[in-house]
N, C-alpha and C. Protein backbone atom coordinates (compact mmCIF):
# COMPACT_ATOMS: atom_id res chain seq x y z
N MET A 1 57.75 315.97 11.39
CA MET A 1 56.49 315.69 12.05
C MET A 1 56.46 314.21 12.41
N TRP A 2 55.98 313.95 13.59
CA TRP A 2 55.87 312.60 14.12
C TRP A 2 54.41 312.19 14.23
N ILE A 3 54.12 310.95 13.86
CA ILE A 3 52.80 310.36 14.05
C ILE A 3 52.96 309.36 15.19
N VAL A 4 52.05 309.43 16.16
CA VAL A 4 52.16 308.62 17.37
C VAL A 4 50.89 307.81 17.56
N THR A 5 51.06 306.56 17.89
CA THR A 5 49.93 305.68 18.14
C THR A 5 49.24 306.10 19.44
N PRO A 6 47.91 306.26 19.42
CA PRO A 6 47.20 306.58 20.66
C PRO A 6 47.27 305.42 21.66
N ALA A 7 47.00 305.71 22.92
CA ALA A 7 47.04 304.68 23.97
C ALA A 7 46.09 303.54 23.63
N ALA A 8 44.91 303.87 23.13
CA ALA A 8 43.93 302.87 22.68
C ALA A 8 43.35 303.39 21.36
N ALA A 9 42.96 302.50 20.48
CA ALA A 9 42.43 302.91 19.18
C ALA A 9 41.32 303.93 19.34
N GLY A 10 41.49 305.08 18.70
CA GLY A 10 40.48 306.13 18.73
C GLY A 10 40.44 306.95 20.00
N ALA A 11 41.26 306.63 21.00
CA ALA A 11 41.30 307.39 22.27
C ALA A 11 42.30 308.52 22.11
N LEU A 12 41.80 309.72 21.84
CA LEU A 12 42.65 310.85 21.51
C LEU A 12 42.79 311.88 22.64
N SER A 13 42.11 311.68 23.75
CA SER A 13 42.07 312.70 24.79
C SER A 13 43.42 313.04 25.40
N ASP A 14 44.38 312.13 25.36
CA ASP A 14 45.69 312.41 25.93
C ASP A 14 46.76 312.63 24.85
N CYS A 15 46.33 312.87 23.61
CA CYS A 15 47.28 312.96 22.49
C CYS A 15 48.34 314.04 22.66
N SER A 16 47.98 315.20 23.17
CA SER A 16 48.98 316.27 23.30
C SER A 16 50.16 315.82 24.15
N GLU A 17 49.87 315.28 25.33
CA GLU A 17 50.94 314.81 26.22
C GLU A 17 51.60 313.55 25.67
N ARG A 18 50.79 312.63 25.18
CA ARG A 18 51.33 311.35 24.70
C ARG A 18 52.31 311.55 23.54
N ALA A 19 51.95 312.38 22.58
CA ALA A 19 52.82 312.60 21.42
C ALA A 19 54.11 313.30 21.83
N ALA A 20 54.00 314.34 22.65
CA ALA A 20 55.20 315.05 23.09
C ALA A 20 56.14 314.12 23.85
N ASN A 21 55.57 313.32 24.77
CA ASN A 21 56.39 312.37 25.53
C ASN A 21 57.02 311.31 24.63
N ALA A 22 56.27 310.79 23.68
CA ALA A 22 56.79 309.75 22.78
C ALA A 22 57.98 310.27 21.98
N VAL A 23 57.89 311.51 21.51
CA VAL A 23 59.00 312.08 20.74
C VAL A 23 60.19 312.36 21.65
N ASN A 24 59.92 312.95 22.80
CA ASN A 24 61.02 313.28 23.73
C ASN A 24 61.76 312.05 24.24
N THR A 25 61.05 310.94 24.40
CA THR A 25 61.69 309.72 24.90
C THR A 25 62.10 308.76 23.79
N LYS A 26 61.86 309.19 22.53
CA LYS A 26 62.18 308.36 21.36
C LYS A 26 61.48 306.99 21.43
N SER A 27 60.22 307.02 21.82
CA SER A 27 59.41 305.82 21.95
C SER A 27 59.17 305.16 20.59
N ALA A 28 59.02 303.85 20.62
CA ALA A 28 58.69 303.10 19.41
C ALA A 28 57.27 303.43 18.93
N ASP A 29 56.45 304.07 19.77
CA ASP A 29 55.10 304.48 19.37
C ASP A 29 55.11 305.66 18.41
N ALA A 30 56.26 306.33 18.26
CA ALA A 30 56.37 307.50 17.39
C ALA A 30 57.13 307.14 16.13
N ARG A 31 56.58 307.55 14.98
CA ARG A 31 57.29 307.34 13.73
C ARG A 31 57.31 308.67 12.96
N LEU A 32 58.41 308.91 12.32
CA LEU A 32 58.57 310.12 11.53
C LEU A 32 57.72 310.01 10.26
N LEU A 33 57.02 311.07 9.93
CA LEU A 33 56.23 311.09 8.70
C LEU A 33 57.18 310.88 7.53
N SER A 34 56.87 309.95 6.65
CA SER A 34 57.79 309.62 5.56
C SER A 34 57.50 310.41 4.28
N SER A 35 56.31 310.94 4.14
CA SER A 35 55.93 311.65 2.91
C SER A 35 56.16 313.15 3.04
N GLU A 36 56.32 313.79 1.89
CA GLU A 36 56.35 315.25 1.88
C GLU A 36 54.98 315.75 2.28
N ALA A 37 54.94 316.91 2.95
CA ALA A 37 53.65 317.44 3.40
C ALA A 37 53.67 318.95 3.49
N LEU A 38 52.50 319.54 3.38
CA LEU A 38 52.29 320.96 3.60
C LEU A 38 51.36 321.08 4.80
N VAL A 39 51.80 321.82 5.81
CA VAL A 39 50.98 322.08 6.99
C VAL A 39 50.65 323.56 6.99
N ARG A 40 49.35 323.87 6.97
CA ARG A 40 48.89 325.27 6.98
C ARG A 40 48.18 325.56 8.29
N TRP A 41 48.25 326.79 8.71
CA TRP A 41 47.47 327.29 9.84
C TRP A 41 47.15 328.73 9.54
N GLN A 42 46.25 329.31 10.30
CA GLN A 42 45.86 330.70 10.06
C GLN A 42 47.09 331.58 10.21
N GLY A 43 47.50 332.19 9.10
CA GLY A 43 48.64 333.09 9.13
C GLY A 43 49.97 332.47 8.75
N GLY A 44 50.01 331.19 8.38
CA GLY A 44 51.30 330.63 8.01
C GLY A 44 51.21 329.22 7.45
N GLN A 45 52.34 328.72 7.08
CA GLN A 45 52.44 327.35 6.58
C GLN A 45 53.90 326.91 6.62
N ILE A 46 54.09 325.60 6.59
CA ILE A 46 55.42 325.02 6.54
C ILE A 46 55.39 323.80 5.64
N ARG A 47 56.42 323.63 4.85
CA ARG A 47 56.53 322.45 3.99
C ARG A 47 57.52 321.49 4.64
N LEU A 48 57.10 320.24 4.79
CA LEU A 48 57.93 319.21 5.38
C LEU A 48 58.49 318.34 4.27
N ARG A 49 59.77 318.04 4.33
CA ARG A 49 60.43 317.27 3.28
C ARG A 49 60.04 315.81 3.26
N GLY A 50 59.79 315.23 4.38
CA GLY A 50 59.55 313.80 4.43
C GLY A 50 60.87 313.07 4.55
N GLU A 51 60.82 311.91 5.13
CA GLU A 51 62.05 311.17 5.41
C GLU A 51 62.16 309.87 4.64
N GLY A 52 61.31 309.67 3.64
CA GLY A 52 61.37 308.41 2.91
C GLY A 52 60.56 308.49 1.64
N THR A 53 60.38 307.37 1.00
CA THR A 53 59.64 307.34 -0.26
C THR A 53 58.34 306.56 -0.16
N ASP A 54 58.07 305.99 1.01
CA ASP A 54 56.82 305.23 1.17
C ASP A 54 55.63 306.17 1.14
N LEU A 55 54.54 305.69 0.55
CA LEU A 55 53.30 306.45 0.59
C LEU A 55 52.63 306.22 1.93
N GLU A 56 52.12 307.27 2.52
CA GLU A 56 51.37 307.14 3.77
C GLU A 56 50.02 306.52 3.44
N ARG A 57 49.58 305.60 4.23
CA ARG A 57 48.24 305.04 4.05
C ARG A 57 47.27 305.93 4.82
N LYS A 58 46.13 306.23 4.23
CA LYS A 58 45.22 307.16 4.87
C LYS A 58 44.79 306.72 6.26
N LYS A 59 44.62 305.42 6.48
CA LYS A 59 44.21 304.97 7.81
C LYS A 59 45.31 305.18 8.85
N ASP A 60 46.54 305.41 8.38
CA ASP A 60 47.64 305.68 9.30
C ASP A 60 47.79 307.16 9.63
N LEU A 61 46.90 308.00 9.10
CA LEU A 61 47.05 309.44 9.28
C LEU A 61 46.03 310.06 10.22
N TRP A 62 44.83 309.53 10.33
CA TRP A 62 43.87 310.17 11.23
C TRP A 62 43.51 309.26 12.39
N ASP A 63 42.91 309.90 13.39
CA ASP A 63 42.65 309.25 14.68
C ASP A 63 43.96 308.75 15.28
N LYS A 64 44.98 309.56 15.11
CA LYS A 64 46.31 309.32 15.68
C LYS A 64 46.71 310.56 16.47
N CYS A 65 47.85 310.50 17.09
CA CYS A 65 48.44 311.66 17.74
C CYS A 65 49.56 312.18 16.86
N PHE A 66 49.95 313.44 17.03
CA PHE A 66 51.04 314.00 16.23
C PHE A 66 51.87 314.94 17.10
N ALA A 67 53.08 315.16 16.67
CA ALA A 67 53.95 316.17 17.29
C ALA A 67 54.78 316.81 16.19
N LEU A 68 54.81 318.13 16.17
CA LEU A 68 55.68 318.88 15.27
C LEU A 68 56.85 319.36 16.11
N ALA A 69 58.05 319.00 15.68
CA ALA A 69 59.25 319.35 16.44
C ALA A 69 60.21 320.13 15.55
N VAL A 70 60.93 321.06 16.16
CA VAL A 70 61.97 321.82 15.49
C VAL A 70 63.25 321.62 16.28
N ASP A 71 64.28 321.15 15.61
CA ASP A 71 65.57 320.89 16.27
C ASP A 71 65.41 320.01 17.51
N GLY A 72 64.54 319.00 17.40
CA GLY A 72 64.34 318.05 18.49
C GLY A 72 63.44 318.53 19.60
N ARG A 73 62.90 319.75 19.51
CA ARG A 73 62.01 320.29 20.54
C ARG A 73 60.59 320.33 20.02
N VAL A 74 59.66 319.71 20.75
CA VAL A 74 58.26 319.69 20.33
C VAL A 74 57.67 321.09 20.49
N ILE A 75 57.14 321.61 19.39
CA ILE A 75 56.52 322.94 19.37
C ILE A 75 55.02 322.83 19.62
N VAL A 76 54.38 321.86 18.97
CA VAL A 76 52.94 321.67 19.12
C VAL A 76 52.64 320.18 18.94
N SER A 77 51.68 319.70 19.72
CA SER A 77 51.27 318.30 19.61
C SER A 77 49.77 318.20 19.88
N GLY A 78 49.18 317.15 19.36
CA GLY A 78 47.75 316.96 19.52
C GLY A 78 47.28 315.73 18.77
N ALA A 79 46.09 315.84 18.16
CA ALA A 79 45.47 314.70 17.47
C ALA A 79 45.27 315.01 16.00
N THR A 80 45.19 313.96 15.19
CA THR A 80 44.89 314.11 13.77
C THR A 80 43.45 313.65 13.51
N LEU A 81 42.75 314.40 12.68
CA LEU A 81 41.36 314.10 12.33
C LEU A 81 41.11 314.41 10.88
N VAL A 82 40.04 313.88 10.34
CA VAL A 82 39.55 314.33 9.04
C VAL A 82 38.64 315.53 9.29
N PRO A 83 38.53 316.47 8.35
CA PRO A 83 37.76 317.70 8.57
C PRO A 83 36.29 317.49 8.89
N HIS A 84 35.70 316.39 8.45
CA HIS A 84 34.27 316.17 8.69
C HIS A 84 34.01 315.33 9.96
N SER A 85 35.00 315.24 10.82
CA SER A 85 34.84 314.48 12.05
C SER A 85 33.78 315.12 12.95
N ALA A 86 33.10 314.31 13.72
CA ALA A 86 32.09 314.81 14.66
C ALA A 86 32.69 315.08 16.04
N ARG A 87 33.97 314.87 16.20
CA ARG A 87 34.61 315.04 17.52
C ARG A 87 34.73 316.50 17.91
N LEU A 88 34.78 316.73 19.21
CA LEU A 88 35.07 318.05 19.78
C LEU A 88 36.33 317.87 20.62
N LEU A 89 37.41 318.51 20.20
CA LEU A 89 38.67 318.42 20.92
C LEU A 89 39.16 319.83 21.24
N ARG A 90 39.50 320.07 22.49
CA ARG A 90 39.92 321.41 22.92
C ARG A 90 41.44 321.52 23.06
N PHE A 91 42.14 320.88 22.14
CA PHE A 91 43.59 320.98 22.08
C PHE A 91 43.97 320.92 20.60
N PRO A 92 45.23 321.14 20.24
CA PRO A 92 45.59 321.22 18.82
C PRO A 92 45.20 319.99 18.01
N VAL A 93 44.73 320.28 16.80
CA VAL A 93 44.29 319.23 15.87
C VAL A 93 44.93 319.49 14.51
N LEU A 94 45.45 318.45 13.94
CA LEU A 94 45.99 318.47 12.58
C LEU A 94 44.96 317.78 11.70
N GLN A 95 44.25 318.57 10.89
CA GLN A 95 43.23 318.01 10.01
C GLN A 95 43.89 317.48 8.74
N VAL A 96 43.57 316.26 8.38
CA VAL A 96 44.11 315.63 7.18
C VAL A 96 43.23 316.07 6.01
N LEU A 97 43.74 316.98 5.18
CA LEU A 97 42.97 317.49 4.05
C LEU A 97 43.10 316.60 2.83
N SER A 98 44.28 316.05 2.62
CA SER A 98 44.49 315.11 1.51
C SER A 98 45.59 314.16 1.90
N TRP A 99 45.56 312.99 1.32
CA TRP A 99 46.64 312.04 1.56
C TRP A 99 47.33 311.83 0.24
N ARG A 100 48.52 311.39 0.32
CA ARG A 100 49.40 311.36 -0.84
C ARG A 100 49.00 310.28 -1.84
N GLY A 101 48.91 310.72 -3.06
CA GLY A 101 48.81 309.82 -4.20
C GLY A 101 50.11 309.97 -4.97
N ARG A 102 50.18 309.50 -6.13
CA ARG A 102 51.40 309.67 -6.93
C ARG A 102 51.69 311.16 -7.15
N ASP A 103 52.92 311.55 -6.90
CA ASP A 103 53.40 312.92 -7.14
C ASP A 103 52.60 313.99 -6.39
N GLU A 104 52.00 313.66 -5.29
CA GLU A 104 51.26 314.65 -4.51
C GLU A 104 51.80 314.68 -3.09
N SER A 105 51.81 315.88 -2.52
CA SER A 105 52.19 316.01 -1.12
C SER A 105 50.95 315.88 -0.25
N LEU A 106 51.17 315.47 0.97
CA LEU A 106 50.08 315.48 1.94
C LEU A 106 49.75 316.93 2.28
N GLU A 107 48.50 317.18 2.63
CA GLU A 107 48.11 318.52 3.06
C GLU A 107 47.36 318.41 4.38
N PHE A 108 47.76 319.29 5.30
CA PHE A 108 47.14 319.33 6.63
C PHE A 108 46.78 320.77 6.97
N GLU A 109 45.78 320.93 7.83
CA GLU A 109 45.48 322.23 8.43
C GLU A 109 45.59 322.07 9.94
N LEU A 110 46.40 322.92 10.54
CA LEU A 110 46.64 322.89 11.97
C LEU A 110 45.77 323.93 12.65
N THR A 111 44.97 323.51 13.62
CA THR A 111 44.10 324.41 14.36
C THR A 111 44.32 324.22 15.86
N PRO A 112 44.05 325.25 16.67
CA PRO A 112 44.28 325.14 18.11
C PRO A 112 43.28 324.24 18.83
N ALA A 113 42.20 323.87 18.15
CA ALA A 113 41.17 322.98 18.70
C ALA A 113 40.32 322.52 17.53
N PHE A 114 39.37 321.65 17.80
CA PHE A 114 38.47 321.20 16.73
C PHE A 114 37.05 321.23 17.24
N PRO A 115 36.22 322.11 16.69
CA PRO A 115 36.54 323.16 15.73
C PRO A 115 37.41 324.25 16.36
N ALA A 116 38.07 325.04 15.51
CA ALA A 116 39.06 326.02 15.97
C ALA A 116 38.50 327.03 16.96
N ASP A 117 37.24 327.39 16.84
CA ASP A 117 36.68 328.40 17.75
C ASP A 117 36.43 327.87 19.16
N LYS A 118 36.67 326.61 19.41
CA LYS A 118 36.50 326.02 20.74
C LYS A 118 37.83 325.94 21.50
N SER A 119 38.84 326.61 21.01
CA SER A 119 40.17 326.54 21.61
C SER A 119 40.20 327.15 23.01
N THR A 120 40.99 326.54 23.87
CA THR A 120 41.23 327.08 25.20
C THR A 120 42.60 327.77 25.27
N VAL A 121 43.34 327.73 24.16
CA VAL A 121 44.65 328.39 24.08
C VAL A 121 44.43 329.84 23.66
N PRO A 122 44.93 330.81 24.44
CA PRO A 122 44.79 332.21 24.05
C PRO A 122 45.41 332.46 22.66
N VAL A 123 44.78 333.33 21.89
CA VAL A 123 45.20 333.59 20.52
C VAL A 123 46.67 333.99 20.44
N GLN A 124 47.14 334.88 21.31
CA GLN A 124 48.53 335.33 21.26
C GLN A 124 49.49 334.18 21.54
N GLU A 125 49.15 333.31 22.48
CA GLU A 125 49.99 332.16 22.77
C GLU A 125 50.07 331.23 21.56
N TRP A 126 48.94 331.01 20.90
CA TRP A 126 48.90 330.15 19.72
C TRP A 126 49.77 330.74 18.61
N LEU A 127 49.61 332.04 18.33
CA LEU A 127 50.39 332.68 17.27
C LEU A 127 51.88 332.67 17.59
N SER A 128 52.23 332.82 18.84
CA SER A 128 53.63 332.77 19.25
C SER A 128 54.21 331.37 19.02
N ARG A 129 53.45 330.36 19.38
CA ARG A 129 53.88 328.97 19.18
C ARG A 129 54.07 328.68 17.69
N MET A 130 53.12 329.15 16.88
CA MET A 130 53.20 328.89 15.44
C MET A 130 54.36 329.62 14.80
N ALA A 131 54.74 330.78 15.33
CA ALA A 131 55.87 331.54 14.78
C ALA A 131 57.17 330.72 14.87
N GLU A 132 57.26 329.82 15.84
CA GLU A 132 58.45 329.00 15.99
C GLU A 132 58.59 327.97 14.87
N LEU A 133 57.53 327.69 14.15
CA LEU A 133 57.56 326.71 13.06
C LEU A 133 58.09 327.28 11.75
N ARG A 134 58.15 328.57 11.65
CA ARG A 134 58.59 329.18 10.38
C ARG A 134 60.07 329.10 10.19
């Protein structure tokens, strides 16, 4: 999973495209998540190993862009938020449920929009995309 700096602080409207492009072009704006993490979505989950031993700082996890890639191909990208955010986003959102403390993995919930019932992605398309993460 990649965390990508938004174009401007808190400007998340272009996160889906920005994150996918940053990963595909290996931009310096994209950094690989260093902590272990669990990403859940309706009907599935994936555990990420993490690429380092540094603890993620909570301010580095939300109001950012993200991209989940498998074998170098971006499967889903969007924005990261805390669950109690007041934002309305009609593209994929990775909700930060917990951030890592000692001996704890990060936990995220992946939804097709925020809130999930505002999604513009058809349910079958979303489930098909998520199946690629397993």
